[in-house]
Amino acid sequence: MRGALANAAAGEESDTVRCRVIAARERQLGRAGCINSVLGGSSIQSHCRLAPGDQELLGTAMEYLGLSARAYYRRILRVA
């Protein structure tokens, strides 16, 4: 394990990731007035809509992975 970590390819710089996270939070605040992690059920449905093709793909993935409706609303859409 230690060798695998030592030989792993370098990832993104922390500053690059930080900038991307800040930009995502700003989009969330502008869209819904709060960050996705605190959205309630009805807010998730109104602010985190997926295109029909994306809904179909996600439905297929949920069936394949055995994910529940709760996972869909409480976890997946918040991240999306």
Protein backbone atom coordinates (compact mmCIF):
# COMPACT_ATOMS: atom_id res chain seq x y z
CA MET A 1 0.00 0.00 0.00
CA ARG A 2 2.71 2.45 0.94
CA GLY A 3 4.43 1.92 -2.42
CA ALA A 4 1.21 2.52 -4.32
CA LEU A 5 0.72 5.85 -2.59
CA ALA A 6 4.30 6.88 -3.18
CA ASN A 7 4.03 6.06 -6.88
CA ALA A 8 0.60 7.64 -7.42
CA ALA A 9 0.32 10.37 -10.01
CA ALA A 10 0.26 13.89 -8.66
CA GLY A 11 -3.24 15.31 -8.25
CA GLU A 12 -4.47 18.85 -8.55
CA GLU A 13 -2.97 21.59 -6.46
CA SER A 14 -4.97 22.51 -3.36
CA ASP A 15 -5.39 26.09 -4.59
CA THR A 16 -6.95 24.85 -7.84
CA VAL A 17 -9.44 22.66 -6.00
CA ARG A 18 -10.19 25.43 -3.50
CA CYS A 19 -11.03 27.86 -6.32
CA ARG A 20 -13.35 25.31 -7.92
CA VAL A 21 -15.13 24.66 -4.60
CA ILE A 22 -15.56 28.38 -3.94
CA ALA A 23 -17.01 28.89 -7.43
CA ALA A 24 -19.44 25.99 -6.93
CA ARG A 25 -20.61 27.38 -3.58
CA GLU A 26 -21.14 30.81 -5.14
CA ARG A 27 -23.29 29.24 -7.90
CA GLN A 28 -25.31 27.39 -5.26
CA LEU A 29 -25.84 30.55 -3.20
CA GLY A 30 -26.86 32.49 -6.28
CA ARG A 31 -29.29 29.81 -7.42
CA ALA A 32 -30.99 28.82 -4.15
CA GLY A 33 -29.80 31.28 -1.50
CA CYS A 34 -27.99 28.48 0.35
CA ILE A 35 -25.52 25.71 -0.34
CA ASN A 36 -26.85 22.36 -1.57
CA SER A 37 -26.05 20.53 1.68
CA VAL A 38 -28.78 22.44 3.54
CA LEU A 39 -31.52 22.24 0.90
CA GLY A 40 -34.76 20.60 2.01
CA GLY A 41 -36.78 18.11 -0.03
CA SER A 42 -38.94 20.58 -1.98
CA SER A 43 -35.96 22.86 -2.59
CA ILE A 44 -33.94 19.97 -3.95
CA GLN A 45 -36.71 19.19 -6.44
CA SER A 46 -36.98 22.79 -7.62
CA HIS A 47 -33.29 23.75 -7.67
CA CYS A 48 -31.59 20.49 -8.64
CA ARG A 49 -33.54 19.44 -11.72
CA LEU A 50 -31.92 17.09 -14.19
CA ALA A 51 -32.45 16.98 -17.95
CA PRO A 52 -34.56 13.99 -19.11
CA GLY A 53 -31.53 12.14 -20.50
CA ASP A 54 -29.65 12.68 -17.27
CA GLN A 55 -32.63 11.39 -15.26
CA GLU A 56 -32.69 8.24 -17.37
CA LEU A 57 -28.95 7.67 -16.94
CA LEU A 58 -29.21 8.23 -13.20
CA GLY A 59 -32.18 5.85 -12.97
CA THR A 60 -30.20 3.14 -14.71
CA ALA A 61 -27.22 3.72 -12.41
CA MET A 62 -29.46 3.61 -9.33
CA GLU A 63 -30.94 0.27 -10.40
CA TYR A 64 -27.49 -1.15 -11.17
CA LEU A 65 -26.06 0.03 -7.85
CA GLY A 66 -29.18 -0.75 -5.83
CA LEU A 67 -29.57 2.83 -4.57
CA SER A 68 -32.74 3.96 -2.81
CA ALA A 69 -34.98 6.94 -3.52
CA ARG A 70 -33.63 8.47 -0.33
CA ALA A 71 -30.10 8.28 -1.71
CA TYR A 72 -31.36 9.96 -4.88
CA TYR A 73 -32.94 12.94 -3.15
CA ARG A 74 -30.73 13.31 -0.11
CA ARG A 75 -27.32 12.59 -1.57
CA ILE A 76 -27.07 12.43 -5.35
CA LEU A 77 -29.02 15.54 -6.30
CA ARG A 78 -27.32 17.63 -3.64
CA VAL A 79 -23.95 16.78 -5.09
CA ALA A 80 -25.12 17.22 -8.67
